[in-house]
N, C-alpha and C. Protein backbone atom coordinates (compact mmCIF):
# COMPACT_ATOMS: atom_id res chain seq x y z
N MET A 1 131.07 -5.83 86.50
CA MET A 1 131.84 -4.96 87.36
C MET A 1 131.14 -3.60 87.43
N PRO A 2 130.94 -3.05 88.59
CA PRO A 2 130.27 -1.74 88.72
C PRO A 2 131.07 -0.62 88.04
N PHE A 3 130.35 0.38 87.57
CA PHE A 3 130.98 1.51 86.90
C PHE A 3 132.10 2.12 87.74
N ASN A 4 131.82 2.32 89.03
CA ASN A 4 132.80 2.95 89.90
C ASN A 4 134.10 2.15 89.94
N GLN A 5 134.01 0.84 89.96
CA GLN A 5 135.22 0.00 90.01
C GLN A 5 136.01 0.13 88.72
N ILE A 6 135.34 0.20 87.59
CA ILE A 6 136.01 0.36 86.30
C ILE A 6 136.77 1.68 86.28
N LEU A 7 136.12 2.76 86.73
CA LEU A 7 136.76 4.07 86.75
C LEU A 7 137.92 4.10 87.74
N LYS A 8 137.72 3.50 88.91
CA LYS A 8 138.78 3.45 89.91
C LYS A 8 139.99 2.70 89.36
N ASP A 9 139.77 1.55 88.75
CA ASP A 9 140.88 0.78 88.19
C ASP A 9 141.64 1.59 87.14
N LEU A 10 140.91 2.31 86.31
CA LEU A 10 141.54 3.14 85.28
C LEU A 10 142.43 4.21 85.90
N VAL A 11 141.88 4.95 86.84
CA VAL A 11 142.62 6.06 87.45
C VAL A 11 143.79 5.56 88.29
N GLU A 12 143.60 4.47 89.00
CA GLU A 12 144.66 3.95 89.87
C GLU A 12 145.77 3.26 89.09
N THR A 13 145.48 2.77 87.89
CA THR A 13 146.46 2.03 87.09
C THR A 13 147.36 2.95 86.27
N VAL A 14 146.83 4.05 85.78
CA VAL A 14 147.57 4.92 84.88
C VAL A 14 148.34 5.98 85.67
N PRO A 15 149.67 6.04 85.47
CA PRO A 15 150.44 7.06 86.19
C PRO A 15 150.06 8.46 85.75
N HIS A 16 150.03 9.38 86.69
CA HIS A 16 149.70 10.79 86.45
C HIS A 16 148.23 11.00 86.06
N ALA A 17 147.37 10.01 86.35
CA ALA A 17 145.94 10.18 86.09
C ALA A 17 145.35 11.16 87.09
N VAL A 18 144.46 12.01 86.61
CA VAL A 18 143.75 12.96 87.47
C VAL A 18 142.39 12.40 87.83
N GLY A 19 141.66 11.91 86.82
CA GLY A 19 140.34 11.38 87.10
C GLY A 19 139.62 10.95 85.83
N ALA A 20 138.53 10.25 86.05
CA ALA A 20 137.68 9.77 84.96
C ALA A 20 136.23 9.98 85.35
N VAL A 21 135.42 10.30 84.35
CA VAL A 21 134.00 10.53 84.61
C VAL A 21 133.18 9.98 83.44
N LEU A 22 132.12 9.29 83.78
CA LEU A 22 131.15 8.78 82.82
C LEU A 22 130.05 9.82 82.74
N VAL A 23 129.79 10.33 81.52
CA VAL A 23 128.78 11.38 81.34
C VAL A 23 127.72 10.94 80.33
N ASP A 24 126.52 11.50 80.49
CA ASP A 24 125.46 11.21 79.53
C ASP A 24 125.50 12.23 78.39
N TRP A 25 124.54 12.13 77.46
CA TRP A 25 124.51 12.97 76.26
C TRP A 25 124.39 14.44 76.55
N GLU A 26 123.93 14.80 77.75
CA GLU A 26 123.80 16.21 78.12
C GLU A 26 125.00 16.72 78.91
N GLY A 27 125.98 15.84 79.15
CA GLY A 27 127.15 16.23 79.92
C GLY A 27 126.99 16.03 81.42
N GLU A 28 125.87 15.43 81.83
CA GLU A 28 125.65 15.16 83.25
C GLU A 28 126.50 13.97 83.69
N ALA A 29 127.19 14.12 84.80
CA ALA A 29 128.02 13.04 85.33
C ALA A 29 127.14 11.92 85.88
N VAL A 30 127.46 10.70 85.50
CA VAL A 30 126.77 9.53 86.01
C VAL A 30 127.58 8.92 87.14
N GLN A 31 128.90 8.87 86.94
CA GLN A 31 129.82 8.30 87.94
C GLN A 31 131.20 8.90 87.69
N GLU A 32 131.95 9.14 88.77
CA GLU A 32 133.31 9.63 88.60
C GLU A 32 134.22 9.00 89.65
N TYR A 33 135.50 9.03 89.34
CA TYR A 33 136.54 8.64 90.30
C TYR A 33 137.73 9.52 89.98
N CYS A 34 138.27 10.20 91.00
CA CYS A 34 139.35 11.14 90.72
C CYS A 34 140.25 11.37 91.92
N HIS A 35 141.40 11.97 91.63
CA HIS A 35 142.36 12.41 92.66
C HIS A 35 142.26 13.92 92.83
N CYS A 36 141.12 14.48 92.52
CA CYS A 36 140.90 15.92 92.64
C CYS A 36 139.51 16.11 93.25
N ASP A 37 139.09 17.33 93.35
CA ASP A 37 137.73 17.62 93.81
C ASP A 37 136.76 17.04 92.78
N SER A 38 135.76 16.30 93.23
CA SER A 38 134.83 15.66 92.29
C SER A 38 134.10 16.71 91.43
N TYR A 39 133.91 17.91 91.96
CA TYR A 39 133.29 18.98 91.17
C TYR A 39 134.14 19.27 89.93
N ASP A 40 135.47 19.30 90.11
CA ASP A 40 136.36 19.63 89.00
C ASP A 40 136.25 18.61 87.87
N ILE A 41 136.25 17.33 88.20
CA ILE A 41 136.19 16.31 87.15
C ILE A 41 134.80 16.28 86.52
N ARG A 42 133.77 16.56 87.30
CA ARG A 42 132.42 16.64 86.73
C ARG A 42 132.30 17.83 85.77
N PHE A 43 132.94 18.93 86.12
CA PHE A 43 132.95 20.12 85.26
C PHE A 43 133.65 19.82 83.94
N VAL A 44 134.82 19.18 84.03
CA VAL A 44 135.55 18.79 82.82
C VAL A 44 134.69 17.84 81.99
N GLY A 45 134.10 16.85 82.63
CA GLY A 45 133.28 15.88 81.93
C GLY A 45 132.09 16.51 81.24
N ALA A 46 131.46 17.45 81.91
CA ALA A 46 130.27 18.10 81.33
C ALA A 46 130.62 18.81 80.03
N HIS A 47 131.73 19.48 80.00
CA HIS A 47 132.10 20.24 78.81
C HIS A 47 132.76 19.38 77.75
N LYS A 48 133.61 18.48 78.15
CA LYS A 48 134.35 17.69 77.16
C LYS A 48 133.51 16.56 76.58
N GLY A 49 132.60 16.01 77.36
CA GLY A 49 131.72 14.98 76.83
C GLY A 49 130.85 15.51 75.71
N ILE A 50 130.48 16.77 75.81
CA ILE A 50 129.67 17.41 74.79
C ILE A 50 130.47 17.57 73.49
N ILE A 51 131.79 17.75 73.61
CA ILE A 51 132.64 17.86 72.43
C ILE A 51 132.49 16.63 71.54
N LEU A 52 132.58 15.46 72.15
CA LEU A 52 132.46 14.23 71.37
C LEU A 52 131.08 14.13 70.73
N SER A 53 130.05 14.46 71.48
CA SER A 53 128.69 14.41 70.93
C SER A 53 128.56 15.34 69.73
N ARG A 54 129.10 16.53 69.84
CA ARG A 54 129.01 17.51 68.74
C ARG A 54 129.84 17.05 67.54
N LEU A 55 131.01 16.52 67.79
CA LEU A 55 131.83 16.01 66.68
C LEU A 55 131.11 14.89 65.95
N ARG A 56 130.49 14.02 66.71
CA ARG A 56 129.77 12.90 66.09
C ARG A 56 128.59 13.41 65.26
N GLU A 57 127.88 14.41 65.78
CA GLU A 57 126.75 14.98 65.04
C GLU A 57 127.23 15.67 63.78
N THR A 58 128.30 16.44 63.88
CA THR A 58 128.83 17.19 62.76
C THR A 58 129.38 16.27 61.68
N ARG A 59 130.12 15.31 62.12
CA ARG A 59 130.79 14.40 61.19
C ARG A 59 129.81 13.38 60.62
N GLY A 60 128.88 12.92 61.44
CA GLY A 60 127.93 11.91 60.98
C GLY A 60 128.66 10.64 60.57
N GLU A 61 128.01 9.82 59.81
CA GLU A 61 128.64 8.61 59.30
C GLU A 61 129.26 8.93 57.96
N SER A 62 130.57 8.96 57.93
CA SER A 62 131.28 9.19 56.67
C SER A 62 131.92 7.88 56.24
N ALA A 63 132.77 7.97 55.26
CA ALA A 63 133.46 6.77 54.77
C ALA A 63 134.24 6.08 55.88
N GLY A 64 134.70 6.85 56.85
CA GLY A 64 135.48 6.28 57.96
C GLY A 64 134.62 5.76 59.09
N GLY A 65 133.34 6.07 59.10
CA GLY A 65 132.44 5.64 60.16
C GLY A 65 132.28 6.71 61.23
N LEU A 66 131.52 6.38 62.25
CA LEU A 66 131.28 7.31 63.36
C LEU A 66 132.55 7.52 64.18
N ILE A 67 132.71 8.72 64.69
CA ILE A 67 133.83 9.03 65.58
C ILE A 67 133.63 8.27 66.89
N GLU A 68 134.65 7.55 67.33
CA GLU A 68 134.57 6.79 68.57
C GLU A 68 135.25 7.48 69.73
N ASP A 69 136.38 8.15 69.45
CA ASP A 69 137.08 8.84 70.53
C ASP A 69 137.92 9.98 69.97
N VAL A 70 138.37 10.83 70.89
CA VAL A 70 139.19 11.98 70.53
C VAL A 70 140.14 12.25 71.70
N VAL A 71 141.34 12.72 71.37
CA VAL A 71 142.31 13.12 72.39
C VAL A 71 142.55 14.61 72.23
N VAL A 72 142.44 15.34 73.33
CA VAL A 72 142.72 16.77 73.34
C VAL A 72 143.96 16.96 74.20
N SER A 73 145.02 17.46 73.59
CA SER A 73 146.27 17.69 74.32
C SER A 73 146.44 19.17 74.58
N ALA A 74 146.72 19.49 75.82
CA ALA A 74 146.96 20.86 76.22
C ALA A 74 148.38 20.95 76.80
N GLU A 75 148.76 22.13 77.19
CA GLU A 75 150.11 22.34 77.70
C GLU A 75 150.45 21.44 78.88
N ARG A 76 149.49 21.24 79.79
CA ARG A 76 149.77 20.47 81.01
C ARG A 76 148.99 19.16 81.12
N GLN A 77 148.04 18.93 80.23
CA GLN A 77 147.20 17.73 80.37
C GLN A 77 146.76 17.17 79.03
N HIS A 78 146.34 15.91 79.08
CA HIS A 78 145.66 15.27 77.96
C HIS A 78 144.26 14.91 78.45
N LEU A 79 143.29 15.05 77.57
CA LEU A 79 141.93 14.59 77.84
C LEU A 79 141.59 13.55 76.79
N LEU A 80 141.16 12.40 77.24
CA LEU A 80 140.72 11.35 76.33
C LEU A 80 139.21 11.26 76.48
N ILE A 81 138.51 11.32 75.36
CA ILE A 81 137.05 11.32 75.37
C ILE A 81 136.60 10.21 74.43
N GLY A 82 135.82 9.27 74.94
CA GLY A 82 135.40 8.15 74.12
C GLY A 82 133.94 7.82 74.29
N ALA A 83 133.33 7.36 73.20
CA ALA A 83 131.92 6.99 73.22
C ALA A 83 131.75 5.59 73.79
N ILE A 84 130.84 5.46 74.76
CA ILE A 84 130.46 4.16 75.29
C ILE A 84 129.35 3.61 74.39
N ASP A 85 128.38 4.45 74.10
CA ASP A 85 127.31 4.16 73.15
C ASP A 85 126.80 5.50 72.65
N LYS A 86 125.63 5.53 72.04
CA LYS A 86 125.17 6.81 71.48
C LYS A 86 124.80 7.84 72.56
N ASP A 87 124.61 7.40 73.79
CA ASP A 87 124.18 8.31 74.85
C ASP A 87 125.21 8.60 75.93
N TYR A 88 126.25 7.79 76.03
CA TYR A 88 127.21 7.93 77.13
C TYR A 88 128.64 7.99 76.63
N SER A 89 129.46 8.79 77.35
CA SER A 89 130.87 8.95 77.01
C SER A 89 131.71 8.85 78.27
N LEU A 90 132.96 8.48 78.07
CA LEU A 90 133.94 8.45 79.16
C LEU A 90 134.94 9.56 78.90
N VAL A 91 135.23 10.35 79.93
CA VAL A 91 136.23 11.41 79.85
C VAL A 91 137.30 11.08 80.87
N PHE A 92 138.55 11.06 80.42
CA PHE A 92 139.69 10.68 81.25
C PHE A 92 140.74 11.78 81.16
N GLN A 93 141.15 12.30 82.31
CA GLN A 93 142.10 13.40 82.37
C GLN A 93 143.40 12.90 82.98
N VAL A 94 144.52 13.14 82.26
CA VAL A 94 145.84 12.77 82.76
C VAL A 94 146.78 13.95 82.63
N GLU A 95 147.77 14.01 83.52
CA GLU A 95 148.78 15.05 83.43
C GLU A 95 149.69 14.77 82.24
N ARG A 96 150.32 15.79 81.69
CA ARG A 96 151.13 15.69 80.48
C ARG A 96 152.27 14.66 80.58
N PRO A 97 152.91 14.46 81.75
CA PRO A 97 153.99 13.45 81.81
C PRO A 97 153.52 12.01 81.58
N CYS A 98 152.23 11.77 81.63
CA CYS A 98 151.71 10.42 81.42
C CYS A 98 151.98 9.98 79.99
N PRO A 99 152.52 8.79 79.79
CA PRO A 99 152.69 8.28 78.42
C PRO A 99 151.32 8.11 77.76
N LEU A 100 151.10 8.84 76.67
CA LEU A 100 149.79 8.86 76.04
C LEU A 100 149.37 7.48 75.54
N GLY A 101 150.31 6.71 75.01
CA GLY A 101 149.99 5.36 74.54
C GLY A 101 149.48 4.47 75.66
N LEU A 102 150.10 4.58 76.82
CA LEU A 102 149.67 3.80 77.99
C LEU A 102 148.28 4.24 78.44
N ALA A 103 148.07 5.55 78.48
CA ALA A 103 146.76 6.08 78.87
C ALA A 103 145.68 5.60 77.91
N ARG A 104 145.97 5.63 76.61
CA ARG A 104 144.98 5.18 75.61
C ARG A 104 144.68 3.70 75.74
N PHE A 105 145.70 2.90 76.00
CA PHE A 105 145.50 1.46 76.16
C PHE A 105 144.51 1.18 77.29
N HIS A 106 144.76 1.76 78.46
CA HIS A 106 143.89 1.52 79.61
C HIS A 106 142.52 2.18 79.43
N PHE A 107 142.50 3.33 78.78
CA PHE A 107 141.25 4.03 78.48
C PHE A 107 140.37 3.15 77.59
N ASN A 108 140.95 2.61 76.52
CA ASN A 108 140.18 1.77 75.60
C ASN A 108 139.65 0.52 76.30
N ARG A 109 140.43 -0.03 77.21
CA ARG A 109 139.98 -1.19 77.98
C ARG A 109 138.79 -0.81 78.86
N ALA A 110 138.87 0.36 79.50
CA ALA A 110 137.77 0.83 80.34
C ALA A 110 136.50 1.07 79.52
N VAL A 111 136.66 1.64 78.34
CA VAL A 111 135.51 1.87 77.45
C VAL A 111 134.86 0.54 77.12
N GLN A 112 135.65 -0.46 76.78
CA GLN A 112 135.11 -1.78 76.46
C GLN A 112 134.39 -2.37 77.66
N GLN A 113 134.95 -2.26 78.84
CA GLN A 113 134.29 -2.79 80.05
C GLN A 113 132.97 -2.07 80.30
N LEU A 114 132.95 -0.76 80.12
CA LEU A 114 131.71 -0.01 80.32
C LEU A 114 130.67 -0.40 79.29
N GLN A 115 131.09 -0.63 78.05
CA GLN A 115 130.16 -1.07 77.02
C GLN A 115 129.54 -2.42 77.39
N GLU A 116 130.34 -3.30 77.94
CA GLU A 116 129.83 -4.61 78.35
C GLU A 116 128.84 -4.49 79.50
N GLU A 117 129.04 -3.52 80.37
CA GLU A 117 128.16 -3.32 81.52
C GLU A 117 126.84 -2.65 81.15
N MET A 118 126.85 -1.87 80.06
CA MET A 118 125.64 -1.14 79.66
C MET A 118 124.61 -2.10 79.17
């Protein structure tokens, strides 16, 4: 399944989803799908994708293993950031009314699909 279709399915399936972006290790957007200006989701992806990379570098391999994903909750939104592999991450932005468990379920499925495609 093409990357764009995976991102589209994620954003269209999850209520209150804003957008999803696949970013590389430098924060460059590879593919995005969103209900906002594509610049906005690329901007979020560039900065938030780097967060996961830095956390993984800082944390390294500990007793718990490498960090796979992180959720950042803000007043109006949640950001889900997950590693596809060592070079690519998925960033998913949802509005606060979105049930976080539902967003994580579909997010994790999208991460797995992207891993299979890589």
